[in-house]
Amino acid sequence: MGKLLRPIKDVGIVGYGAYVPMFRIKSAEIGRVWGVNGFPIEEKAVNNLDEDALTIGIEAARNALKRAKI
């Protein structure tokens, strides 16, 4: 077998980030719309009109960089 390649610099995970949308909807409202009772949650995070998977991912990445002090 050949030699293992080693990176010139150390690599690894130095931080992580998350983002949760600001708005909430109560489980009672979800149940009212769907005609169902008894959810195991009290409320659910809901995206703002200008938030999508990309913008949420960008905010999570920014939080990761901030936590890692980069």
PDB file of N, CA and C in Angstrom:
ATOM      1  N   MET A   1       0.834  -1.183   0.000  1.00  0.00           N
ATOM      2  CA  MET A   1       0.000   0.000   0.000  1.00  0.00           C
ATOM      3  C   MET A   1       0.878   1.245   0.000  1.00  0.00           C
ATOM      4  N   GLY A   2       0.338   2.311  -0.572  1.00  0.00           N
ATOM      5  CA  GLY A   2       1.085   3.556  -0.632  1.00  0.00           C
ATOM      6  C   GLY A   2       1.046   4.307   0.685  1.00  0.00           C
ATOM      7  N   LYS A   3       1.831   5.343   0.750  1.00  0.00           N
ATOM      8  CA  LYS A   3       1.853   6.182   1.949  1.00  0.00           C
ATOM      9  C   LYS A   3       0.543   6.959   2.071  1.00  0.00           C
ATOM     10  N   LEU A   4       0.139   7.192   3.320  1.00  0.00           N
ATOM     11  CA  LEU A   4      -1.039   8.023   3.551  1.00  0.00           C
ATOM     12  C   LEU A   4      -0.679   9.477   3.314  1.00  0.00           C
ATOM     13  N   LEU A   5      -1.564  10.167   2.649  1.00  0.00           N
ATOM     14  CA  LEU A   5      -1.343  11.599   2.430  1.00  0.00           C
ATOM     15  C   LEU A   5      -1.711  12.357   3.695  1.00  0.00           C
ATOM     16  N   ARG A   6      -0.877  13.231   4.114  1.00  0.00           N
ATOM     17  CA  ARG A   6      -1.127  14.057   5.293  1.00  0.00           C
ATOM     18  C   ARG A   6      -1.301  15.509   4.840  1.00  0.00           C
ATOM     19  N   PRO A   7      -2.313  16.203   5.382  1.00  0.00           N
ATOM     20  CA  PRO A   7      -2.472  17.610   5.018  1.00  0.00           C
ATOM     21  C   PRO A   7      -1.308  18.444   5.546  1.00  0.00           C
ATOM     22  N   ILE A   8      -1.012  19.507   4.827  1.00  0.00           N
ATOM     23  CA  ILE A   8       0.066  20.401   5.242  1.00  0.00           C
ATOM     24  C   ILE A   8      -0.302  21.090   6.556  1.00  0.00           C
ATOM     25  N   LYS A   9      -1.551  21.456   6.718  1.00  0.00           N
ATOM     26  CA  LYS A   9      -2.028  22.095   7.939  1.00  0.00           C
ATOM     27  C   LYS A   9      -3.033  21.181   8.626  1.00  0.00           C
ATOM     28  N   ASP A  10      -3.174  21.364   9.926  1.00  0.00           N
ATOM     29  CA  ASP A  10      -4.194  20.617  10.653  1.00  0.00           C
ATOM     30  C   ASP A  10      -5.572  21.031  10.163  1.00  0.00           C
ATOM     31  N   VAL A  11      -6.460  20.075  10.054  1.00  0.00           N
ATOM     32  CA  VAL A  11      -7.828  20.367   9.633  1.00  0.00           C
ATOM     33  C   VAL A  11      -8.792  19.773  10.650  1.00  0.00           C
ATOM     34  N   GLY A  12      -9.947  20.367  10.759  1.00  0.00           N
ATOM     35  CA  GLY A  12     -10.960  19.856  11.674  1.00  0.00           C
ATOM     36  C   GLY A  12     -12.090  20.846  11.844  1.00  0.00           C
ATOM     37  N   ILE A  13     -13.043  20.472  12.636  1.00  0.00           N
ATOM     38  CA  ILE A  13     -14.192  21.329  12.915  1.00  0.00           C
ATOM     39  C   ILE A  13     -13.874  22.154  14.149  1.00  0.00           C
ATOM     40  N   VAL A  14     -13.946  23.467  14.011  1.00  0.00           N
ATOM     41  CA  VAL A  14     -13.629  24.356  15.130  1.00  0.00           C
ATOM     42  C   VAL A  14     -14.856  25.111  15.626  1.00  0.00           C
ATOM     43  N   GLY A  15     -15.979  24.961  14.950  1.00  0.00           N
ATOM     44  CA  GLY A  15     -17.196  25.630  15.374  1.00  0.00           C
ATOM     45  C   GLY A  15     -18.394  25.057  14.655  1.00  0.00           C
ATOM     46  N   TYR A  16     -19.543  25.374  15.141  1.00  0.00           N
ATOM     47  CA  TYR A  16     -20.785  24.955  14.499  1.00  0.00           C
ATOM     48  C   TYR A  16     -21.789  26.087  14.653  1.00  0.00           C
ATOM     49  N   GLY A  17     -22.785  26.073  13.837  1.00  0.00           N
ATOM     50  CA  GLY A  17     -23.783  27.127  13.915  1.00  0.00           C
ATOM     51  C   GLY A  17     -25.172  26.593  13.649  1.00  0.00           C
ATOM     52  N   ALA A  18     -26.142  27.323  14.115  1.00  0.00           N
ATOM     53  CA  ALA A  18     -27.543  26.971  13.904  1.00  0.00           C
ATOM     54  C   ALA A  18     -28.337  28.262  13.760  1.00  0.00           C
ATOM     55  N   TYR A  19     -29.490  28.149  13.192  1.00  0.00           N
ATOM     56  CA  TYR A  19     -30.389  29.292  13.067  1.00  0.00           C
ATOM     57  C   TYR A  19     -31.815  28.773  13.154  1.00  0.00           C
ATOM     58  N   VAL A  20     -32.608  29.415  13.970  1.00  0.00           N
ATOM     59  CA  VAL A  20     -34.017  29.062  14.101  1.00  0.00           C
ATOM     60  C   VAL A  20     -34.823  30.312  13.778  1.00  0.00           C
ATOM     61  N   PRO A  21     -35.783  30.204  12.867  1.00  0.00           N
ATOM     62  CA  PRO A  21     -36.597  31.370  12.523  1.00  0.00           C
ATOM     63  C   PRO A  21     -37.255  32.002  13.754  1.00  0.00           C
ATOM     64  N   MET A  22     -37.473  33.305  13.690  1.00  0.00           N
ATOM     65  CA  MET A  22     -37.974  34.068  14.820  1.00  0.00           C
ATOM     66  C   MET A  22     -39.465  33.821  15.100  1.00  0.00           C
ATOM     67  N   PHE A  23     -40.264  33.640  14.073  1.00  0.00           N
ATOM     68  CA  PHE A  23     -41.705  33.534  14.251  1.00  0.00           C
ATOM     69  C   PHE A  23     -42.115  32.135  14.707  1.00  0.00           C
ATOM     70  N   ARG A  24     -43.225  32.068  15.457  1.00  0.00           N
ATOM     71  CA  ARG A  24     -43.753  30.804  15.974  1.00  0.00           C
ATOM     72  C   ARG A  24     -45.239  30.704  15.663  1.00  0.00           C
ATOM     73  N   ILE A  25     -45.697  29.455  15.554  1.00  0.00           N
ATOM     74  CA  ILE A  25     -47.125  29.189  15.430  1.00  0.00           C
ATOM     75  C   ILE A  25     -47.468  28.153  16.498  1.00  0.00           C
ATOM     76  N   LYS A  26     -48.546  28.386  17.201  1.00  0.00           N
ATOM     77  CA  LYS A  26     -48.975  27.489  18.278  1.00  0.00           C
ATOM     78  C   LYS A  26     -49.524  26.188  17.683  1.00  0.00           C
ATOM     79  N   SER A  27     -49.283  25.082  18.389  1.00  0.00           N
ATOM     80  CA  SER A  27     -49.767  23.792  17.897  1.00  0.00           C
ATOM     81  C   SER A  27     -51.296  23.759  17.841  1.00  0.00           C
ATOM     82  N   ALA A  28     -51.953  24.516  18.713  1.00  0.00           N
ATOM     83  CA  ALA A  28     -53.423  24.576  18.672  1.00  0.00           C
ATOM     84  C   ALA A  28     -53.906  25.144  17.342  1.00  0.00           C
ATOM     85  N   GLU A  29     -53.186  26.114  16.798  1.00  0.00           N
ATOM     86  CA  GLU A  29     -53.565  26.699  15.505  1.00  0.00           C
ATOM     87  C   GLU A  29     -53.358  25.687  14.377  1.00  0.00           C
ATOM     88  N   ILE A  30     -52.254  24.943  14.435  1.00  0.00           N
ATOM     89  CA  ILE A  30     -52.012  23.894  13.435  1.00  0.00           C
ATOM     90  C   ILE A  30     -53.131  22.856  13.512  1.00  0.00           C
ATOM     91  N   GLY A  31     -53.450  22.441  14.723  1.00  0.00           N
ATOM     92  CA  GLY A  31     -54.514  21.456  14.915  1.00  0.00           C
ATOM     93  C   GLY A  31     -55.866  21.944  14.436  1.00  0.00           C
ATOM     94  N   ARG A  32     -56.143  23.229  14.659  1.00  0.00           N
ATOM     95  CA  ARG A  32     -57.418  23.799  14.212  1.00  0.00           C
ATOM     96  C   ARG A  32     -57.538  23.732  12.694  1.00  0.00           C
ATOM     97  N   VAL A  33     -56.460  24.069  12.002  1.00  0.00           N
ATOM     98  CA  VAL A  33     -56.481  24.062  10.538  1.00  0.00           C
ATOM     99  C   VAL A  33     -56.598  22.642  10.003  1.00  0.00           C
ATOM    100  N   TRP A  34     -55.870  21.694  10.617  1.00  0.00           N
ATOM    101  CA  TRP A  34     -55.869  20.313  10.139  1.00  0.00           C
ATOM    102  C   TRP A  34     -56.982  19.468  10.759  1.00  0.00           C
ATOM    103  N   GLY A  35     -57.688  20.008  11.734  1.00  0.00           N
ATOM    104  CA  GLY A  35     -58.754  19.247  12.391  1.00  0.00           C
ATOM    105  C   GLY A  35     -58.218  18.121  13.247  1.00  0.00           C
ATOM    106  N   VAL A  36     -57.082  18.346  13.907  1.00  0.00           N
ATOM    107  CA  VAL A  36     -56.429  17.321  14.726  1.00  0.00           C
ATOM    108  C   VAL A  36     -56.107  17.920  16.089  1.00  0.00           C
ATOM    109  N   ASN A  37     -56.122  17.089  17.131  1.00  0.00           N
ATOM    110  CA  ASN A  37     -55.740  17.526  18.477  1.00  0.00           C
ATOM    111  C   ASN A  37     -54.552  16.701  18.972  1.00  0.00           C
ATOM    112  N   GLY A  38     -53.886  17.213  19.994  1.00  0.00           N
ATOM    113  CA  GLY A  38     -52.870  16.429  20.689  1.00  0.00           C
ATOM    114  C   GLY A  38     -51.518  16.357  20.016  1.00  0.00           C
ATOM    115  N   PHE A  39     -50.880  17.486  19.780  1.00  0.00           N
ATOM    116  CA  PHE A  39     -49.524  17.491  19.240  1.00  0.00           C
ATOM    117  C   PHE A  39     -48.516  17.394  20.386  1.00  0.00           C
ATOM    118  N   PRO A  40     -47.369  16.751  20.161  1.00  0.00           N
ATOM    119  CA  PRO A  40     -46.357  16.642  21.221  1.00  0.00           C
ATOM    120  C   PRO A  40     -45.490  17.896  21.363  1.00  0.00           C
ATOM    121  N   ILE A  41     -45.877  18.983  20.705  1.00  0.00           N
ATOM    122  CA  ILE A  41     -45.129  20.237  20.782  1.00  0.00           C
ATOM    123  C   ILE A  41     -46.080  21.354  21.197  1.00  0.00           C
ATOM    124  N   GLU A  42     -45.510  22.438  21.710  1.00  0.00           N
ATOM    125  CA  GLU A  42     -46.329  23.597  22.058  1.00  0.00           C
ATOM    126  C   GLU A  42     -46.417  24.581  20.903  1.00  0.00           C
ATOM    127  N   GLU A  43     -45.292  24.732  20.194  1.00  0.00           N
ATOM    128  CA  GLU A  43     -45.247  25.657  19.070  1.00  0.00           C
ATOM    129  C   GLU A  43     -44.192  25.208  18.071  1.00  0.00           C
ATOM    130  N   LYS A  44     -44.249  25.778  16.871  1.00  0.00           N
ATOM    131  CA  LYS A  44     -43.323  25.429  15.797  1.00  0.00           C
ATOM    132  C   LYS A  44     -42.743  26.705  15.209  1.00  0.00           C
ATOM    133  N   ALA A  45     -41.440  26.670  14.906  1.00  0.00           N
ATOM    134  CA  ALA A  45     -40.801  27.812  14.252  1.00  0.00           C
ATOM    135  C   ALA A  45     -41.306  27.912  12.814  1.00  0.00           C
ATOM    136  N   VAL A  46     -41.524  29.148  12.357  1.00  0.00           N
ATOM    137  CA  VAL A  46     -42.039  29.389  11.013  1.00  0.00           C
ATOM    138  C   VAL A  46     -41.158  30.434  10.331  1.00  0.00           C
ATOM    139  N   ASN A  47     -40.796  30.170   9.092  1.00  0.00           N
ATOM    140  CA  ASN A  47     -39.979  31.109   8.321  1.00  0.00           C
ATOM    141  C   ASN A  47     -40.729  32.405   8.070  1.00  0.00           C
ATOM    142  N   ASN A  48     -39.979  33.506   8.025  1.00  0.00           N
ATOM    143  CA  ASN A  48     -40.525  34.776   7.574  1.00  0.00           C
ATOM    144  C   ASN A  48     -40.690  34.695   6.060  1.00  0.00           C
ATOM    145  N   LEU A  49     -41.391  35.627   5.463  1.00  0.00           N
ATOM    146  CA  LEU A  49     -41.608  35.600   4.020  1.00  0.00           C
ATOM    147  C   LEU A  49     -40.310  35.670   3.223  1.00  0.00           C
ATOM    148  N   ASP A  50     -39.288  36.338   3.781  1.00  0.00           N
ATOM    149  CA  ASP A  50     -38.024  36.471   3.048  1.00  0.00           C
ATOM    150  C   ASP A  50     -36.980  35.430   3.464  1.00  0.00           C
ATOM    151  N   GLU A  51     -37.367  34.401   4.207  1.00  0.00           N
ATOM    152  CA  GLU A  51     -36.447  33.344   4.617  1.00  0.00           C
ATOM    153  C   GLU A  51     -36.731  32.068   3.836  1.00  0.00           C
ATOM    154  N   ASP A  52     -35.670  31.482   3.290  1.00  0.00           N
ATOM    155  CA  ASP A  52     -35.779  30.177   2.645  1.00  0.00           C
ATOM    156  C   ASP A  52     -34.585  29.348   3.106  1.00  0.00           C
ATOM    157  N   ALA A  53     -34.423  28.153   2.552  1.00  0.00           N
ATOM    158  CA  ALA A  53     -33.339  27.267   2.979  1.00  0.00           C
ATOM    159  C   ALA A  53     -31.970  27.920   2.810  1.00  0.00           C
ATOM    160  N   LEU A  54     -31.806  28.692   1.751  1.00  0.00           N
ATOM    161  CA  LEU A  54     -30.517  29.343   1.506  1.00  0.00           C
ATOM    162  C   LEU A  54     -30.218  30.409   2.558  1.00  0.00           C
ATOM    163  N   THR A  55     -31.162  31.283   2.836  1.00  0.00           N
ATOM    164  CA  THR A  55     -30.910  32.346   3.813  1.00  0.00           C
ATOM    165  C   THR A  55     -30.735  31.774   5.221  1.00  0.00           C
ATOM    166  N   ILE A  56     -31.472  30.730   5.548  1.00  0.00           N
ATOM    167  CA  ILE A  56     -31.314  30.083   6.856  1.00  0.00           C
ATOM    168  C   ILE A  56     -29.932  29.438   6.956  1.00  0.00           C
ATOM    169  N   GLY A  57     -29.477  28.801   5.878  1.00  0.00           N
ATOM    170  CA  GLY A  57     -28.141  28.207   5.853  1.00  0.00           C
ATOM    171  C   GLY A  57     -27.038  29.244   5.993  1.00  0.00           C
ATOM    172  N   ILE A  58     -27.218  30.389   5.356  1.00  0.00           N
ATOM    173  CA  ILE A  58     -26.232  31.470   5.459  1.00  0.00           C
ATOM    174  C   ILE A  58     -26.158  31.978   6.895  1.00  0.00           C
ATOM    175  N   GLU A  59     -27.298  32.169   7.542  1.00  0.00           N
ATOM    176  CA  GLU A  59     -27.299  32.629   8.933  1.00  0.00           C
ATOM    177  C   GLU A  59     -26.640  31.598   9.850  1.00  0.00           C
ATOM    178  N   ALA A  60     -26.888  30.317   9.607  1.00  0.00           N
ATOM    179  CA  ALA A  60     -26.248  29.270  10.406  1.00  0.00           C
ATOM    180  C   ALA A  60     -24.736  29.287  10.194  1.00  0.00           C
ATOM    181  N   ALA A  61     -24.296  29.495   8.965  1.00  0.00           N
ATOM    182  CA  ALA A  61     -22.860  29.581   8.672  1.00  0.00           C
ATOM    183  C   ALA A  61     -22.236  30.791   9.358  1.00  0.00           C
ATOM    184  N   ARG A  62     -22.922  31.911   9.344  1.00  0.00           N
ATOM    185  CA  ARG A  62     -22.416  33.103  10.042  1.00  0.00           C
ATOM    186  C   ARG A  62     -22.280  32.837  11.541  1.00  0.00           C
ATOM    187  N   ASN A  63     -23.269  32.160  12.102  1.00  0.00           N
ATOM    188  CA  ASN A  63     -23.193  31.817  13.523  1.00  0.00           C
ATOM    189  C   ASN A  63     -22.025  30.873  13.803  1.00  0.00           C
ATOM    190  N   ALA A  64     -21.765  29.937  12.891  1.00  0.00           N
ATOM    191  CA  ALA A  64     -20.638  29.022  13.060  1.00  0.00           C
ATOM    192  C   ALA A  64     -19.317  29.783  13.056  1.00  0.00           C
ATOM    193  N   LEU A  65     -19.162  30.712  12.134  1.00  0.00           N
ATOM    194  CA  LEU A  65     -17.927  31.504  12.065  1.00  0.00           C
ATOM    195  C   LEU A  65     -17.751  32.355  13.323  1.00  0.00           C
ATOM    196  N   LYS A  66     -18.844  32.898  13.809  1.00  0.00           N
ATOM    197  CA  LYS A  66     -18.777  33.718  15.021  1.00  0.00           C
ATOM    198  C   LYS A  66     -18.375  32.863  16.229  1.00  0.00           C
ATOM    199  N   ARG A  67     -18.962  31.671  16.357  1.00  0.00           N
ATOM    200  CA  ARG A  67     -18.631  30.783  17.478  1.00  0.00           C
ATOM    201  C   ARG A  67     -17.182  30.332  17.426  1.00  0.00           C
ATOM    202  N   ALA A  68     -16.683  30.135  16.201  1.00  0.00           N
ATOM    203  CA  ALA A  68     -15.297  29.691  16.031  1.00  0.00           C
ATOM    204  C   ALA A  68     -14.315  30.857  16.105  1.00  0.00           C
ATOM    205  N   LYS A  69     -14.856  32.073  16.228  1.00  0.00           N
ATOM    206  CA  LYS A  69     -14.037  33.292  16.274  1.00  0.00           C
ATOM    207  C   LYS A  69     -13.158  33.426  15.038  1.00  0.00           C
ATOM    208  N   ILE A  70     -13.796  33.196  13.895  1.00  0.00           N
ATOM    209  CA  ILE A  70     -13.100  33.319  12.607  1.00  0.00           C
ATOM    210  C   ILE A  70     -13.569  34.593  11.935  1.00  0.00           C
TER     211      ILE A  70
END
